[in-house]
Amino acid sequence: MNYRKGDRVLHPKRSDWGLGQVLANSAVGQVRIFFANIGLKTISLGVVEPTKVTGQNAKSIILDRLFDAEGKKLTCGKCNGEASYDGDPDLQRVHLGWCDRCFRKSFGVQKSA
């Protein structure tokens, strides 16, 4: 199955990961997905094929905060600056919809080296 950037999916064996959004078109047997409850994962399509979800089942407050309709990053819910969630983000920060700077300042979190 082919996956396109912006597709909403569920992992068929890991329902606890929640709804995910495909970050880039699938290629070379892999797809990168940001799951609402666990963060960024790279899935091997030879092992498992995520289930595409549409309509009401594809709605997610968390994912909608992260990406607009064109898959662009959204702004921070606190300062309106750019909110980047690349890499392996702190899920508490993602749920708040804040940029890294606002999150660290408000919660006294030190940036990793």
Protein backbone atom coordinates (compact mmCIF):
# COMPACT_ATOMS: atom_id res chain seq x y z
CA MET A 1 0.00 0.00 0.00
CA ASN A 2 1.21 3.54 -0.72
CA TYR A 3 1.03 6.24 1.92
CA ARG A 4 0.99 9.93 1.11
CA LYS A 5 2.06 12.86 3.24
CA GLY A 6 -0.89 13.92 5.39
CA ASP A 7 -2.65 10.53 5.44
CA ARG A 8 -4.08 9.70 8.84
CA VAL A 9 -3.42 6.13 9.96
CA LEU A 10 -3.64 3.67 12.84
CA HIS A 11 -1.09 0.98 13.66
CA PRO A 12 -3.06 -2.29 13.47
CA LYS A 13 -1.17 -3.89 16.38
CA ARG A 14 -0.54 -0.84 18.60
CA SER A 15 -3.84 0.92 19.26
CA ASP A 16 -2.22 2.59 22.30
CA TRP A 17 -0.14 4.71 19.88
CA GLY A 18 -3.31 6.52 18.82
CA LEU A 19 -3.96 8.17 15.49
CA GLY A 20 -0.95 8.98 13.33
CA GLN A 21 -0.16 11.31 10.46
CA VAL A 22 2.16 10.34 7.62
CA LEU A 23 5.02 12.87 7.41
CA ALA A 24 6.28 12.00 3.91
CA ASN A 25 5.21 9.82 0.99
CA SER A 26 6.21 6.20 1.62
CA ALA A 27 9.40 5.07 -0.07
CA VAL A 28 11.80 2.11 0.02
CA GLY A 29 9.44 0.01 2.10
CA GLN A 30 9.19 2.51 4.96
CA VAL A 31 6.95 5.32 6.10
CA ARG A 32 7.53 8.00 8.77
CA ILE A 33 4.49 8.63 10.96
CA PHE A 34 3.88 10.95 13.89
CA PHE A 35 1.53 9.15 16.32
CA ALA A 36 -0.45 11.33 18.72
CA ASN A 37 0.30 9.22 21.82
CA ILE A 38 3.88 8.10 21.17
CA GLY A 39 5.57 10.54 18.77
CA LEU A 40 7.63 9.90 15.65
CA LYS A 41 8.04 6.34 14.35
CA THR A 42 9.48 4.86 11.17
CA ILE A 43 7.40 1.86 10.14
CA SER A 44 8.72 -0.97 7.95
CA LEU A 45 5.94 -1.76 5.49
CA GLY A 46 7.28 -5.30 5.11
CA VAL A 47 6.38 -5.93 8.75
CA VAL A 48 3.12 -4.02 9.17
CA GLU A 49 0.80 -1.89 7.06
CA PRO A 50 -0.89 0.95 8.94
CA THR A 51 -4.62 1.28 8.36
CA LYS A 52 -5.70 4.48 6.60
CA VAL A 53 -8.40 6.44 8.42
CA THR A 54 -10.74 9.05 6.94
CA GLY A 55 -13.70 11.20 7.88
CA GLN A 56 -14.66 11.66 11.55
CA ASN A 57 -12.24 8.89 12.59
CA ALA A 58 -9.32 10.93 11.18
CA LYS A 59 -9.92 13.91 13.44
CA SER A 60 -7.39 14.52 16.21
CA ILE A 61 -6.94 17.65 18.30
CA ILE A 62 -3.26 16.81 18.77
CA LEU A 63 -2.48 16.17 15.10
CA ASP A 64 -4.59 19.13 13.99
CA ARG A 65 -2.47 21.37 16.25
CA LEU A 66 0.72 20.03 14.70
CA PHE A 67 -0.17 20.29 11.03
CA ASP A 68 -2.42 22.47 8.94
CA ALA A 69 -4.35 21.13 5.92
CA GLU A 70 -1.26 21.37 3.69
CA GLY A 71 1.02 19.59 6.17
CA LYS A 72 2.85 22.76 7.19
CA LYS A 73 3.85 23.32 10.78
CA LEU A 74 1.51 25.36 12.92
CA THR A 75 2.31 28.15 15.31
CA CYS A 76 2.81 27.89 19.06
CA GLY A 77 -0.39 28.04 21.08
CA LYS A 78 1.29 30.35 23.58
CA CYS A 79 3.52 32.83 21.69
CA ASN A 80 2.30 32.35 18.07
CA GLY A 81 5.89 31.63 16.96
CA GLU A 82 6.71 28.62 14.79
CA ALA A 83 6.13 25.35 16.63
CA SER A 84 8.50 22.65 15.39
CA TYR A 85 7.91 19.01 16.35
CA ASP A 86 10.65 17.30 14.33
CA GLY A 87 12.59 14.46 15.84
CA ASP A 88 11.39 12.82 19.03
CA PRO A 89 9.33 15.52 20.78
CA ASP A 90 8.24 15.73 24.39
CA LEU A 91 4.62 14.56 24.26
CA GLN A 92 3.57 16.97 27.03
CA ARG A 93 4.76 19.85 24.84
CA VAL A 94 2.96 18.42 21.80
CA HIS A 95 -0.32 18.08 23.72
CA LEU A 96 -0.05 21.73 24.76
CA GLY A 97 0.76 22.83 21.21
CA TRP A 98 3.67 25.00 22.41
CA CYS A 99 7.02 25.71 20.81
CA ASP A 100 10.15 24.35 22.46
CA ARG A 101 11.13 27.77 23.87
CA CYS A 102 7.78 28.39 25.61
CA PHE A 103 7.69 24.87 26.98
CA ARG A 104 11.21 25.04 28.43
CA LYS A 105 10.59 28.48 29.93
CA SER A 106 7.25 27.59 31.50
CA PHE A 107 8.29 24.21 32.89
CA GLY A 108 11.97 24.88 33.63
CA VAL A 109 13.05 22.15 31.23
CA GLN A 110 16.71 22.27 30.17
CA LYS A 111 17.49 21.71 26.50
CA SER A 112 19.27 18.41 25.80
CA ALA A 113 22.88 18.59 24.65
